[in-house]
Amino acid sequence: MDIDLMEKSISRILLLLSCLWLVTPKALATIEAVDIYSDAQLLSLIRTQTYLQRVKTDDCQLLQDIEARAMVLKQPLYQFLWGEMLNHGVCVTADPRYGMSILQMSAEQGSSEAMVKIAEYYHDGRFVIQNKHRAVQFVLPAAANGDQQARIMLVRLQAQGYGSPMDYEMGYHWLFNEVFANTKTKLEALRLLQQLETKMPASAVSRAQQQRLSGN
């Protein structure tokens, strides 16, 4: 963590501690305690895109715990959550520059969720200058990790001509051999694969449709 990030983290923690002194015992008795999210629970909230709403629903009671797990314990899923809270100003003052740096930390620890989220921001041009080639750079390792959302996004970008053509066969292979939980997602994947086929030699498509691919 660089000096600026450390100073921001220390300042926020000191502010939280100072606020605790202002809470009376009577007020504390009226607050219903909220348990910290388990990794499985947080992952489910992230995958259903309800993580920020859940923090709001819990009245920001876990703010200090979330920051500590992200910045002290350096847990990737909590770094994802803390970064997103900063990006969108949930329970804290919005600070996308700081938030994106925390998301980057999560991605560097191997969080596919953080990789996909950063890729989405580069794809849409939100918080950063739009750069779909950079979106591919972030989503590709998440796709290699087996993240289905990442594989769909990767093939969509490749079908639009982004990324290296050398990676098209691998992207096609990953998505073609996916197992889908619902018909809607499967049909979307099929449509994207058909689009990508138009940019690939027939021999590459044939190889990519095999159950196993060299190097996978």
C-alpha atoms as a PDB file:
ATOM      1  CA  MET A   1       0.000   0.000   0.000  1.00  0.00           C
ATOM      2  CA  ASP A   2       1.474   3.465  -0.840  1.00  0.00           C
ATOM      3  CA  ILE A   3       1.656   6.339   1.681  1.00  0.00           C
ATOM      4  CA  ASP A   4      -1.500   8.085   0.401  1.00  0.00           C
ATOM      5  CA  LEU A   5      -3.598   4.924   0.724  1.00  0.00           C
ATOM      6  CA  MET A   6      -2.197   4.252   4.202  1.00  0.00           C
ATOM      7  CA  GLU A   7      -2.963   7.801   5.363  1.00  0.00           C
ATOM      8  CA  LYS A   8      -6.520   7.565   4.039  1.00  0.00           C
ATOM      9  CA  SER A   9      -7.081   4.226   5.788  1.00  0.00           C
ATOM     10  CA  ILE A  10      -5.702   5.527   9.101  1.00  0.00           C
ATOM     11  CA  SER A  11      -7.809   8.692   8.864  1.00  0.00           C
ATOM     12  CA  ARG A  12     -10.997   6.711   8.235  1.00  0.00           C
ATOM     13  CA  ILE A  13     -10.308   4.320  11.118  1.00  0.00           C
ATOM     14  CA  LEU A  14      -9.603   7.218  13.512  1.00  0.00           C
ATOM     15  CA  LEU A  15     -12.833   8.897  12.407  1.00  0.00           C
ATOM     16  CA  LEU A  16     -14.795   5.708  13.054  1.00  0.00           C
ATOM     17  CA  LEU A  17     -13.250   5.341  16.515  1.00  0.00           C
ATOM     18  CA  SER A  18     -14.050   8.937  17.386  1.00  0.00           C
ATOM     19  CA  CYS A  19     -17.654   8.401  16.369  1.00  0.00           C
ATOM     20  CA  LEU A  20     -17.953   5.439  18.699  1.00  0.00           C
ATOM     21  CA  TRP A  21     -17.370   7.709  21.697  1.00  0.00           C
ATOM     22  CA  LEU A  22     -20.488   9.682  20.717  1.00  0.00           C
ATOM     23  CA  VAL A  23     -22.778   6.658  20.873  1.00  0.00           C
ATOM     24  CA  THR A  24     -24.540   6.365  24.242  1.00  0.00           C
ATOM     25  CA  PRO A  25     -25.257   3.008  25.938  1.00  0.00           C
ATOM     26  CA  LYS A  26     -28.974   3.643  25.448  1.00  0.00           C
ATOM     27  CA  ALA A  27     -28.476   4.157  21.719  1.00  0.00           C
ATOM     28  CA  LEU A  28     -26.363   1.025  21.499  1.00  0.00           C
ATOM     29  CA  ALA A  29     -29.154  -0.994  23.080  1.00  0.00           C
ATOM     30  CA  THR A  30     -31.506  -0.028  20.245  1.00  0.00           C
ATOM     31  CA  ILE A  31     -29.114  -1.123  17.488  1.00  0.00           C
ATOM     32  CA  GLU A  32     -29.618  -4.632  16.159  1.00  0.00           C
ATOM     33  CA  ALA A  33     -26.224  -6.205  15.597  1.00  0.00           C
ATOM     34  CA  VAL A  34     -25.377  -7.388  12.078  1.00  0.00           C
ATOM     35  CA  ASP A  35     -23.027 -10.322  11.583  1.00  0.00           C
ATOM     36  CA  ILE A  36     -20.100  -9.942   9.227  1.00  0.00           C
ATOM     37  CA  TYR A  37     -20.652 -11.635   5.867  1.00  0.00           C
ATOM     38  CA  SER A  38     -19.072 -15.019   5.268  1.00  0.00           C
ATOM     39  CA  ASP A  39     -17.002 -15.430   2.108  1.00  0.00           C
ATOM     40  CA  ALA A  40     -19.756 -17.579   0.579  1.00  0.00           C
ATOM     41  CA  GLN A  41     -22.411 -15.009   1.452  1.00  0.00           C
ATOM     42  CA  LEU A  42     -20.371 -12.111   0.095  1.00  0.00           C
ATOM     43  CA  LEU A  43     -19.593 -14.011  -3.100  1.00  0.00           C
ATOM     44  CA  SER A  44     -23.319 -14.643  -3.588  1.00  0.00           C
ATOM     45  CA  LEU A  45     -24.067 -10.934  -3.055  1.00  0.00           C
ATOM     46  CA  ILE A  46     -21.419  -9.995  -5.617  1.00  0.00           C
ATOM     47  CA  ARG A  47     -22.658 -12.475  -8.208  1.00  0.00           C
ATOM     48  CA  THR A  48     -26.250 -11.255  -7.821  1.00  0.00           C
ATOM     49  CA  GLN A  49     -25.130  -7.598  -7.934  1.00  0.00           C
ATOM     50  CA  THR A  50     -26.771  -6.898  -4.543  1.00  0.00           C
ATOM     51  CA  TYR A  51     -23.682  -6.249  -2.418  1.00  0.00           C
ATOM     52  CA  LEU A  52     -24.034  -2.458  -2.193  1.00  0.00           C
ATOM     53  CA  GLN A  53     -27.763  -2.680  -1.487  1.00  0.00           C
ATOM     54  CA  ARG A  54     -27.046  -5.157   1.323  1.00  0.00           C
ATOM     55  CA  VAL A  55     -24.569  -2.778   2.947  1.00  0.00           C
ATOM     56  CA  LYS A  56     -27.216  -0.039   2.805  1.00  0.00           C
ATOM     57  CA  THR A  57     -29.886  -2.380   4.186  1.00  0.00           C
ATOM     58  CA  ASP A  58     -27.583  -3.159   7.109  1.00  0.00           C
ATOM     59  CA  ASP A  59     -27.404   0.593   7.859  1.00  0.00           C
ATOM     60  CA  CYS A  60     -23.655   0.693   7.281  1.00  0.00           C
ATOM     61  CA  GLN A  61     -23.065  -1.095  10.614  1.00  0.00           C
ATOM     62  CA  LEU A  62     -20.267  -3.204   9.133  1.00  0.00           C
ATOM     63  CA  LEU A  63     -18.322  -0.265   7.715  1.00  0.00           C
ATOM     64  CA  GLN A  64     -15.381  -0.608  10.108  1.00  0.00           C
ATOM     65  CA  ASP A  65     -15.256  -4.403   9.766  1.00  0.00           C
ATOM     66  CA  ILE A  66     -15.358  -4.213   5.968  1.00  0.00           C
ATOM     67  CA  GLU A  67     -12.528  -1.706   5.820  1.00  0.00           C
ATOM     68  CA  ALA A  68     -10.423  -3.687   8.295  1.00  0.00           C
ATOM     69  CA  ARG A  69     -10.887  -6.953   6.386  1.00  0.00           C
ATOM     70  CA  ALA A  70      -9.981  -5.173   3.150  1.00  0.00           C
ATOM     71  CA  MET A  71      -7.042  -3.050   4.269  1.00  0.00           C
ATOM     72  CA  VAL A  72      -5.612  -4.902   7.281  1.00  0.00           C
ATOM     73  CA  LEU A  73      -6.432  -8.557   6.575  1.00  0.00           C
ATOM     74  CA  LYS A  74      -6.257  -7.925   2.808  1.00  0.00           C
ATOM     75  CA  GLN A  75      -9.094 -10.325   1.979  1.00  0.00           C
ATOM     76  CA  PRO A  76      -9.779 -10.073  -1.795  1.00  0.00           C
ATOM     77  CA  LEU A  77     -13.600 -10.235  -1.619  1.00  0.00           C
ATOM     78  CA  TYR A  78     -13.642  -7.505   1.033  1.00  0.00           C
ATOM     79  CA  GLN A  79     -11.212  -5.443  -1.014  1.00  0.00           C
ATOM     80  CA  PHE A  80     -13.726  -5.760  -3.851  1.00  0.00           C
ATOM     81  CA  LEU A  81     -16.570  -4.624  -1.569  1.00  0.00           C
ATOM     82  CA  TRP A  82     -14.614  -1.779   0.010  1.00  0.00           C
ATOM     83  CA  GLY A  83     -13.431  -0.554  -3.375  1.00  0.00           C
ATOM     84  CA  GLU A  84     -16.975  -0.551  -4.723  1.00  0.00           C
ATOM     85  CA  MET A  85     -18.281   1.288  -1.653  1.00  0.00           C
ATOM     86  CA  LEU A  86     -15.677   3.983  -2.311  1.00  0.00           C
ATOM     87  CA  ASN A  87     -16.457   4.070  -6.043  1.00  0.00           C
ATOM     88  CA  HIS A  88     -20.170   4.604  -5.481  1.00  0.00           C
ATOM     89  CA  GLY A  89     -20.152   6.520  -2.200  1.00  0.00           C
ATOM     90  CA  VAL A  90     -21.963   3.875  -0.150  1.00  0.00           C
ATOM     91  CA  CYS A  91     -21.585   4.614   3.595  1.00  0.00           C
ATOM     92  CA  VAL A  92     -18.520   6.743   2.761  1.00  0.00           C
ATOM     93  CA  THR A  93     -17.715   9.796   0.670  1.00  0.00           C
ATOM     94  CA  ALA A  94     -17.331   8.749  -2.958  1.00  0.00           C
ATOM     95  CA  ASP A  95     -13.667   8.440  -3.929  1.00  0.00           C
ATOM     96  CA  PRO A  96     -13.363   6.500  -7.217  1.00  0.00           C
ATOM     97  CA  ARG A  97      -9.614   7.077  -7.503  1.00  0.00           C
ATOM     98  CA  TYR A  98      -9.056   5.360  -4.167  1.00  0.00           C
ATOM     99  CA  GLY A  99     -11.780   2.790  -4.845  1.00  0.00           C
ATOM    100  CA  MET A 100     -10.303   1.711  -8.167  1.00  0.00           C
ATOM    101  CA  SER A 101      -6.903   1.250  -6.525  1.00  0.00           C
ATOM    102  CA  ILE A 102      -8.494  -1.093  -3.963  1.00  0.00           C
ATOM    103  CA  LEU A 103     -10.219  -3.048  -6.745  1.00  0.00           C
ATOM    104  CA  GLN A 104      -6.824  -3.342  -8.432  1.00  0.00           C
ATOM    105  CA  MET A 105      -5.398  -4.818  -5.203  1.00  0.00           C
ATOM    106  CA  SER A 106      -8.173  -7.405  -5.188  1.00  0.00           C
ATOM    107  CA  ALA A 107      -7.533  -8.291  -8.821  1.00  0.00           C
ATOM    108  CA  GLU A 108      -3.804  -8.656  -8.164  1.00  0.00           C
ATOM    109  CA  GLN A 109      -4.651 -11.214  -5.480  1.00  0.00           C
ATOM    110  CA  GLY A 110      -6.510 -13.269  -8.079  1.00  0.00           C
ATOM    111  CA  SER A 111     -10.096 -12.147  -7.524  1.00  0.00           C
ATOM    112  CA  SER A 112     -12.000 -12.903 -10.734  1.00  0.00           C
ATOM    113  CA  GLU A 113     -14.828 -10.701  -9.458  1.00  0.00           C
ATOM    114  CA  ALA A 114     -12.498  -7.700  -9.275  1.00  0.00           C
ATOM    115  CA  MET A 115     -11.000  -8.455 -12.694  1.00  0.00           C
ATOM    116  CA  VAL A 116     -14.452  -8.571 -14.278  1.00  0.00           C
ATOM    117  CA  LYS A 117     -15.593  -5.390 -12.533  1.00  0.00           C
ATOM    118  CA  ILE A 118     -12.533  -3.434 -13.682  1.00  0.00           C
ATOM    119  CA  ALA A 119     -13.011  -4.834 -17.193  1.00  0.00           C
ATOM    120  CA  GLU A 120     -16.623  -3.616 -17.119  1.00  0.00           C
ATOM    121  CA  TYR A 121     -15.505  -0.127 -16.132  1.00  0.00           C
ATOM    122  CA  TYR A 122     -13.026  -0.004 -19.013  1.00  0.00           C
ATOM    123  CA  HIS A 123     -15.650  -1.424 -21.366  1.00  0.00           C
ATOM    124  CA  ASP A 124     -18.207   1.219 -20.381  1.00  0.00           C
ATOM    125  CA  GLY A 125     -15.791   4.087 -19.779  1.00  0.00           C
ATOM    126  CA  ARG A 126     -17.013   4.599 -16.226  1.00  0.00           C
ATOM    127  CA  PHE A 127     -14.500   6.137 -13.788  1.00  0.00           C
ATOM    128  CA  VAL A 128     -11.798   5.574 -16.450  1.00  0.00           C
ATOM    129  CA  ILE A 129     -11.317   6.426 -20.114  1.00  0.00           C
ATOM    130  CA  GLN A 130     -13.081   3.807 -22.234  1.00  0.00           C
ATOM    131  CA  ASN A 131     -10.602   1.244 -23.517  1.00  0.00           C
ATOM    132  CA  LYS A 132     -12.002  -2.102 -24.643  1.00  0.00           C
ATOM    133  CA  HIS A 133      -8.573  -3.537 -25.371  1.00  0.00           C
ATOM    134  CA  ARG A 134      -7.679  -2.934 -21.727  1.00  0.00           C
ATOM    135  CA  ALA A 135     -11.004  -4.517 -20.738  1.00  0.00           C
ATOM    136  CA  VAL A 136      -9.790  -7.677 -22.514  1.00  0.00           C
ATOM    137  CA  GLN A 137      -6.532  -7.578 -20.549  1.00  0.00           C
ATOM    138  CA  PHE A 138      -8.450  -7.672 -17.270  1.00  0.00           C
ATOM    139  CA  VAL A 139     -11.151 -10.147 -18.235  1.00  0.00           C
ATOM    140  CA  LEU A 140      -8.836 -12.685 -19.885  1.00  0.00           C
ATOM    141  CA  PRO A 141      -7.225 -13.998 -16.654  1.00  0.00           C
ATOM    142  CA  ALA A 142     -10.664 -14.158 -15.010  1.00  0.00           C
ATOM    143  CA  ALA A 143     -11.871 -16.258 -17.944  1.00  0.00           C
ATOM    144  CA  ALA A 144      -8.817 -18.489 -17.543  1.00  0.00           C
ATOM    145  CA  ASN A 145      -9.795 -18.928 -13.878  1.00  0.00           C
ATOM    146  CA  GLY A 146     -13.099 -20.416 -15.021  1.00  0.00           C
ATOM    147  CA  ASP A 147     -15.402 -17.461 -14.355  1.00  0.00           C
ATOM    148  CA  GLN A 148     -18.399 -17.888 -16.684  1.00  0.00           C
ATOM    149  CA  GLN A 149     -19.325 -14.201 -16.703  1.00  0.00           C
ATOM    150  CA  ALA A 150     -15.746 -13.404 -17.693  1.00  0.00           C
ATOM    151  CA  ARG A 151     -15.829 -15.941 -20.523  1.00  0.00           C
ATOM    152  CA  ILE A 152     -19.029 -14.467 -21.920  1.00  0.00           C
ATOM    153  CA  MET A 153     -17.598 -10.964 -21.724  1.00  0.00           C
ATOM    154  CA  LEU A 154     -14.326 -12.079 -23.323  1.00  0.00           C
ATOM    155  CA  VAL A 155     -16.039 -13.691 -26.325  1.00  0.00           C
ATOM    156  CA  ARG A 156     -18.300 -10.659 -26.723  1.00  0.00           C
ATOM    157  CA  LEU A 157     -15.248  -8.400 -26.902  1.00  0.00           C
ATOM    158  CA  GLN A 158     -13.392 -10.767 -29.216  1.00  0.00           C
ATOM    159  CA  ALA A 159     -16.407 -10.957 -31.525  1.00  0.00           C
ATOM    160  CA  GLN A 160     -16.198  -7.153 -31.742  1.00  0.00           C
ATOM    161  CA  GLY A 161     -12.547  -7.394 -32.770  1.00  0.00           C
ATOM    162  CA  TYR A 162     -10.860  -6.537 -29.473  1.00  0.00           C
ATOM    163  CA  GLY A 163      -7.914  -8.423 -28.046  1.00  0.00           C
ATOM    164  CA  SER A 164      -5.387 -10.561 -29.882  1.00  0.00           C
ATOM    165  CA  PRO A 165      -6.701 -12.879 -32.639  1.00  0.00           C
ATOM    166  CA  MET A 166      -4.265 -15.434 -31.231  1.00  0.00           C
ATOM    167  CA  ASP A 167      -6.550 -15.731 -28.188  1.00  0.00           C
ATOM    168  CA  TYR A 168      -9.804 -16.178 -30.131  1.00  0.00           C
ATOM    169  CA  GLU A 169      -9.496 -19.959 -30.280  1.00  0.00           C
ATOM    170  CA  MET A 170      -8.985 -20.246 -26.524  1.00  0.00           C
ATOM    171  CA  GLY A 171     -11.851 -17.858 -25.757  1.00  0.00           C
ATOM    172  CA  TYR A 172     -14.138 -19.817 -28.085  1.00  0.00           C
ATOM    173  CA  HIS A 173     -13.070 -23.115 -26.521  1.00  0.00           C
ATOM    174  CA  TRP A 174     -13.733 -21.952 -22.975  1.00  0.00           C
ATOM    175  CA  LEU A 175     -17.235 -20.705 -23.704  1.00  0.00           C
ATOM    176  CA  PHE A 176     -18.184 -23.545 -26.064  1.00  0.00           C
ATOM    177  CA  ASN A 177     -17.420 -26.093 -23.343  1.00  0.00           C
ATOM    178  CA  GLU A 178     -19.190 -24.217 -20.532  1.00  0.00           C
ATOM    179  CA  VAL A 179     -22.128 -25.690 -18.582  1.00  0.00           C
ATOM    180  CA  PHE A 180     -25.016 -23.237 -18.274  1.00  0.00           C
ATOM    181  CA  ALA A 181     -27.553 -23.004 -15.459  1.00  0.00           C
ATOM    182  CA  ASN A 182     -30.273 -21.491 -17.638  1.00  0.00           C
ATOM    183  CA  THR A 183     -31.360 -21.429 -21.272  1.00  0.00           C
ATOM    184  CA  LYS A 184     -31.148 -17.642 -21.607  1.00  0.00           C
ATOM    185  CA  THR A 185     -27.440 -17.575 -20.796  1.00  0.00           C
ATOM    186  CA  LYS A 186     -26.761 -20.558 -23.045  1.00  0.00           C
ATOM    187  CA  LEU A 187     -28.502 -18.898 -25.998  1.00  0.00           C
ATOM    188  CA  GLU A 188     -26.542 -15.688 -25.412  1.00  0.00           C
ATOM    189  CA  ALA A 189     -23.303 -17.685 -25.404  1.00  0.00           C
ATOM    190  CA  LEU A 190     -24.302 -19.474 -28.620  1.00  0.00           C
ATOM    191  CA  ARG A 191     -25.026 -16.157 -30.351  1.00  0.00           C
ATOM    192  CA  LEU A 192     -21.640 -14.753 -29.305  1.00  0.00           C
ATOM    193  CA  LEU A 193     -19.840 -17.892 -30.449  1.00  0.00           C
ATOM    194  CA  GLN A 194     -21.484 -17.666 -33.855  1.00  0.00           C
ATOM    195  CA  GLN A 195     -20.278 -14.069 -34.142  1.00  0.00           C
ATOM    196  CA  LEU A 196     -16.735 -15.036 -33.143  1.00  0.00           C
ATOM    197  CA  GLU A 197     -16.711 -17.878 -35.689  1.00  0.00           C
ATOM    198  CA  THR A 198     -16.805 -15.298 -38.484  1.00  0.00           C
ATOM    199  CA  LYS A 199     -13.376 -14.045 -37.352  1.00  0.00           C
ATOM    200  CA  MET A 200     -11.764 -17.495 -37.109  1.00  0.00           C
ATOM    201  CA  PRO A 201     -10.547 -20.073 -39.665  1.00  0.00           C
ATOM    202  CA  ALA A 202     -12.772 -23.157 -39.861  1.00  0.00           C
ATOM    203  CA  SER A 203      -9.894 -25.309 -38.616  1.00  0.00           C
ATOM    204  CA  ALA A 204      -9.540 -23.162 -35.480  1.00  0.00           C
ATOM    205  CA  VAL A 205     -13.268 -23.401 -34.800  1.00  0.00           C
ATOM    206  CA  SER A 206     -13.100 -27.187 -35.179  1.00  0.00           C
ATOM    207  CA  ARG A 207     -10.208 -27.424 -32.721  1.00  0.00           C
ATOM    208  CA  ALA A 208     -11.910 -25.086 -30.252  1.00  0.00           C
ATOM    209  CA  GLN A 209     -15.007 -27.250 -30.178  1.00  0.00           C
ATOM    210  CA  GLN A 210     -13.046 -30.230 -28.895  1.00  0.00           C
ATOM    211  CA  GLN A 211     -13.530 -31.215 -25.265  1.00  0.00           C
ATOM    212  CA  ARG A 212      -9.863 -30.645 -24.540  1.00  0.00           C
ATOM    213  CA  LEU A 213      -7.510 -28.115 -26.036  1.00  0.00           C
ATOM    214  CA  SER A 214      -3.734 -28.137 -25.826  1.00  0.00           C
ATOM    215  CA  GLY A 215      -2.536 -25.836 -23.048  1.00  0.00           C
ATOM    216  CA  ASN A 216      -5.904 -25.793 -21.252  1.00  0.00           C
END
